[in-house]
């Protein structure tokens, strides 16, 4: 998976007016709007928790840069979500497989009780995780269907990567040299993902240029990250 594609994290923003906690009233703050669609501070925090959980990263290691990047991604995800059709939906087994991949990062989460404890530590529930993984896969499926047909990788590009990138890496690590024919499919997919990352960046720039986006919190996050 390409670097930019792999960082598309699902979020389904919703409007929470107010709730009671310890007899005190808490109001959810609007941190951004995308074409009139509201992104709340709770959406931002939930996204950070999900990203940390899916990458097995402790919450206390999140930096101001991480917060800024997460809000940027929420805006990009909302722009892409507007492009989704009702038919663009992953199968349940795909969601289950992705959750299994996340779970494998936690060796001590073999039992259901231990896994629930991991999710609780990140402020997530099974249902919430399934929803977020489902949306993440929705967006990845959308991007793949939209961009992959526009990518063509020729044999010269594959051979160039093999000679200039792969072989030097193998020599440096002391690995055994592999024939070009054997690794051609993997190199082709790697180069395809790299090109799709570039196309995705351009697509998102175009979507942002044609959208109405207000994100005062993003400016605040950028200032805090400096």
Protein backbone atom coordinates (compact mmCIF):
# COMPACT_ATOMS: atom_id res chain seq x y z
CA UNK A 1 0.00 0.00 0.00
CA UNK A 2 1.31 3.43 -0.92
CA UNK A 3 2.32 5.78 1.88
CA UNK A 4 -0.44 8.30 1.29
CA UNK A 5 -3.08 5.64 0.58
CA UNK A 6 -2.18 3.76 3.76
CA UNK A 7 -2.77 6.84 5.87
CA UNK A 8 -6.36 7.31 4.80
CA UNK A 9 -8.12 6.81 8.09
CA UNK A 10 -11.87 6.48 8.32
CA UNK A 11 -14.07 8.94 10.15
CA UNK A 12 -17.81 9.40 10.11
CA UNK A 13 -18.42 12.89 11.56
CA UNK A 14 -21.61 13.45 13.49
CA UNK A 15 -23.07 16.41 15.40
CA UNK A 16 -23.21 15.95 19.18
CA UNK A 17 -24.90 18.92 20.76
CA UNK A 18 -24.12 18.36 24.41
CA UNK A 19 -23.80 15.69 27.07
CA UNK A 20 -23.52 15.50 30.85
CA UNK A 21 -20.39 14.32 32.63
CA UNK A 22 -19.90 14.52 36.38
CA UNK A 23 -22.80 16.97 36.59
CA UNK A 24 -20.96 19.35 34.25
CA UNK A 25 -22.20 20.26 30.78
CA UNK A 26 -19.68 19.68 27.99
CA UNK A 27 -20.16 21.21 24.54
CA UNK A 28 -18.49 19.59 21.54
CA UNK A 29 -16.49 22.17 19.58
CA UNK A 30 -16.62 22.52 15.79
CA UNK A 31 -13.02 22.37 14.53
CA UNK A 32 -13.67 22.46 10.76
CA UNK A 33 -16.35 22.51 8.09
CA UNK A 34 -15.99 20.98 4.64
CA UNK A 35 -18.60 22.14 2.14
CA UNK A 36 -20.92 22.74 5.06
CA UNK A 37 -20.23 19.36 6.68
CA UNK A 38 -19.18 19.69 10.30
CA UNK A 39 -16.09 18.04 11.83
CA UNK A 40 -16.18 18.10 15.61
CA UNK A 41 -13.36 18.07 18.12
CA UNK A 42 -14.62 14.65 19.25
CA UNK A 43 -14.20 13.39 15.65
CA UNK A 44 -10.64 14.71 15.71
CA UNK A 45 -9.87 12.99 19.01
CA UNK A 46 -11.54 9.75 17.89
CA UNK A 47 -9.47 9.77 14.71
CA UNK A 48 -6.26 10.21 16.69
CA UNK A 49 -7.19 7.29 18.95
CA UNK A 50 -7.97 5.08 15.97
CA UNK A 51 -4.72 5.97 14.19
CA UNK A 52 -2.73 5.25 17.34
CA UNK A 53 -4.51 1.92 17.87
CA UNK A 54 -4.15 0.79 14.23
CA UNK A 55 -0.41 1.49 14.31
CA UNK A 56 0.13 0.14 17.86
CA UNK A 57 1.37 3.52 19.05
CA UNK A 58 0.84 4.66 22.65
CA UNK A 59 -1.48 7.63 22.98
CA UNK A 60 1.00 9.52 25.14
CA UNK A 61 3.47 9.55 22.24
CA UNK A 62 1.23 11.65 19.99
CA UNK A 63 2.76 15.02 19.14
CA UNK A 64 1.30 18.37 18.00
CA UNK A 65 2.43 17.42 14.48
CA UNK A 66 0.41 14.20 14.76
CA UNK A 67 -2.66 16.20 15.76
CA UNK A 68 -2.23 18.62 12.84
CA UNK A 69 -1.76 15.77 10.38
CA UNK A 70 -4.81 13.94 11.72
CA UNK A 71 -7.03 16.99 11.17
CA UNK A 72 -5.61 17.45 7.68
CA UNK A 73 -6.49 13.83 6.94
CA UNK A 74 -10.01 14.27 8.33
CA UNK A 75 -10.55 17.09 5.84
CA UNK A 76 -9.15 15.01 2.97
CA UNK A 77 -11.29 12.04 4.01
CA UNK A 78 -14.43 14.16 4.02
CA UNK A 79 -13.62 15.41 0.51
CA UNK A 80 -13.18 11.84 -0.68
CA UNK A 81 -16.26 10.64 1.20
CA UNK A 82 -18.30 13.06 -0.90
CA UNK A 83 -17.17 11.08 -3.96
CA UNK A 84 -18.44 7.75 -2.61
CA UNK A 85 -21.47 6.02 -4.05
CA UNK A 86 -23.85 3.85 -2.05
CA UNK A 87 -22.51 0.78 -3.86
CA UNK A 88 -18.94 1.47 -2.74
CA UNK A 89 -18.81 -0.73 0.33
CA UNK A 90 -16.30 -3.37 1.47
CA UNK A 91 -17.38 -6.93 2.26
CA UNK A 92 -17.60 -7.94 5.94
CA UNK A 93 -14.69 -10.35 5.51
CA UNK A 94 -12.46 -7.50 4.33
CA UNK A 95 -13.29 -5.53 7.46
CA UNK A 96 -12.63 -8.60 9.61
CA UNK A 97 -9.28 -9.23 7.90
CA UNK A 98 -8.14 -5.64 8.47
CA UNK A 99 -9.15 -5.79 12.14
CA UNK A 100 -7.21 -9.07 12.45
CA UNK A 101 -4.13 -7.31 11.04
CA UNK A 102 -4.46 -4.56 13.63
CA UNK A 103 -4.95 -7.09 16.42
CA UNK A 104 -1.79 -9.01 15.45
CA UNK A 105 0.25 -5.97 16.49
CA UNK A 106 -0.72 -6.70 20.10
CA UNK A 107 0.85 -10.06 21.11
CA UNK A 108 -0.94 -10.00 24.47
CA UNK A 109 -4.39 -9.61 22.89
CA UNK A 110 -4.96 -13.27 22.05
CA UNK A 111 -8.07 -13.61 24.21
CA UNK A 112 -11.23 -11.60 23.60
CA UNK A 113 -11.00 -10.06 27.07
CA UNK A 114 -7.43 -8.91 26.43
CA UNK A 115 -8.39 -7.48 23.04
CA UNK A 116 -11.30 -5.56 24.54
CA UNK A 117 -8.87 -4.18 27.12
CA UNK A 118 -6.62 -2.92 24.31
CA UNK A 119 -9.54 -1.19 22.62
CA UNK A 120 -10.70 0.29 25.92
CA UNK A 121 -7.23 1.71 26.47
CA UNK A 122 -7.63 3.62 23.19
CA UNK A 123 -11.20 4.64 23.93
CA UNK A 124 -12.60 2.40 21.18
CA UNK A 125 -15.33 -0.24 21.04
CA UNK A 126 -15.62 -3.20 18.66
CA UNK A 127 -18.50 -1.49 16.85
CA UNK A 128 -16.59 1.77 16.58
CA UNK A 129 -13.50 -0.03 15.23
CA UNK A 130 -15.57 -1.90 12.64
CA UNK A 131 -17.18 1.36 11.49
CA UNK A 132 -13.86 3.14 11.12
CA UNK A 133 -12.17 0.23 9.34
CA UNK A 134 -15.16 -0.01 7.01
CA UNK A 135 -14.90 3.64 6.05
CA UNK A 136 -11.13 3.37 5.64
CA UNK A 137 -11.61 0.48 3.21
CA UNK A 138 -14.38 2.39 1.42
CA UNK A 139 -11.97 5.24 0.72
CA UNK A 140 -9.11 2.97 -0.31
CA UNK A 141 -11.44 1.15 -2.69
CA UNK A 142 -12.59 4.48 -4.14
CA UNK A 143 -9.03 5.71 -4.66
CA UNK A 144 -7.92 2.41 -6.21
CA UNK A 145 -10.86 2.32 -8.65
CA UNK A 146 -10.35 5.96 -9.60
CA UNK A 147 -6.57 6.10 -9.95
CA UNK A 148 -5.19 2.63 -10.78
CA UNK A 149 -6.56 2.60 -14.37
CA UNK A 150 -4.61 5.81 -15.06
CA UNK A 151 -1.27 4.23 -14.09
CA UNK A 152 0.98 2.47 -16.60
CA UNK A 153 4.33 1.01 -15.53
CA UNK A 154 6.58 -0.03 -18.42
CA UNK A 155 9.32 -2.64 -18.40
CA UNK A 156 12.05 0.00 -18.52
CA UNK A 157 10.84 1.55 -15.25
CA UNK A 158 10.77 -1.88 -13.62
CA UNK A 159 14.27 -2.72 -14.83
CA UNK A 160 15.57 0.67 -13.72
CA UNK A 161 14.20 0.18 -10.20
CA UNK A 162 15.67 -3.34 -10.11
CA UNK A 163 19.17 -2.16 -11.08
CA UNK A 164 19.28 1.18 -9.27
CA UNK A 165 17.28 0.45 -6.13
CA UNK A 166 16.73 -3.21 -5.36
CA UNK A 167 20.13 -4.70 -6.25
CA UNK A 168 22.10 -2.03 -4.29
CA UNK A 169 19.84 -2.65 -1.29
CA UNK A 170 20.43 -6.41 -1.49
CA UNK A 171 24.20 -5.95 -1.77
CA UNK A 172 24.25 -3.57 1.18
CA UNK A 173 22.28 -5.95 3.38
CA UNK A 174 24.20 -9.01 2.24
CA UNK A 175 21.07 -10.53 0.73
CA UNK A 176 21.04 -13.01 -2.12
CA UNK A 177 20.47 -11.53 -5.58
CA UNK A 178 17.12 -12.48 -7.11
CA UNK A 179 16.29 -12.66 -10.83
CA UNK A 180 14.44 -9.70 -12.33
CA UNK A 181 11.62 -11.93 -13.58
CA UNK A 182 10.97 -13.19 -10.05
CA UNK A 183 10.48 -9.75 -8.52
CA UNK A 184 8.87 -7.97 -11.49
CA UNK A 185 5.28 -8.25 -10.14
CA UNK A 186 6.28 -6.79 -6.75
CA UNK A 187 8.29 -3.97 -8.32
CA UNK A 188 5.42 -3.16 -10.67
CA UNK A 189 2.96 -2.92 -7.76
CA UNK A 190 5.38 -0.81 -5.72
CA UNK A 191 5.83 1.64 -8.59
CA UNK A 192 2.08 1.65 -9.21
CA UNK A 193 1.39 2.57 -5.59
CA UNK A 194 4.02 5.31 -5.74
CA UNK A 195 2.40 6.80 -8.84
CA UNK A 196 -1.05 6.51 -7.27
CA UNK A 197 0.22 8.46 -4.25
CA UNK A 198 1.26 11.26 -6.60
CA UNK A 199 -2.11 11.19 -8.38
CA UNK A 200 -3.96 11.17 -5.05
CA UNK A 201 -2.07 14.25 -3.89
CA UNK A 202 -3.03 16.07 -7.10
CA UNK A 203 -6.66 14.92 -6.83
CA UNK A 204 -6.97 16.11 -3.24
CA UNK A 205 -5.45 19.46 -4.18
CA UNK A 206 -8.09 19.85 -6.89
CA UNK A 207 -10.87 18.84 -4.51
CA UNK A 208 -9.66 21.35 -1.93
CA UNK A 209 -9.43 24.09 -4.55
CA UNK A 210 -13.05 23.55 -5.50
CA UNK A 211 -14.37 23.26 -1.97
CA UNK A 212 -15.31 25.57 0.87
CA UNK A 213 -13.16 24.63 3.84
CA UNK A 214 -12.96 26.43 7.18
CA UNK A 215 -10.58 25.05 9.79
CA UNK A 216 -9.49 27.50 12.48
CA UNK A 217 -8.40 24.56 14.62
CA UNK A 218 -5.98 23.52 11.89
CA UNK A 219 -4.24 26.87 12.12
CA UNK A 220 -4.12 26.43 15.89
CA UNK A 221 -2.66 22.94 15.49
CA UNK A 222 -0.02 24.22 13.09
CA UNK A 223 1.00 26.92 15.54
CA UNK A 224 1.23 24.37 18.34
CA UNK A 225 3.35 22.08 16.16
CA UNK A 226 5.98 24.77 15.57
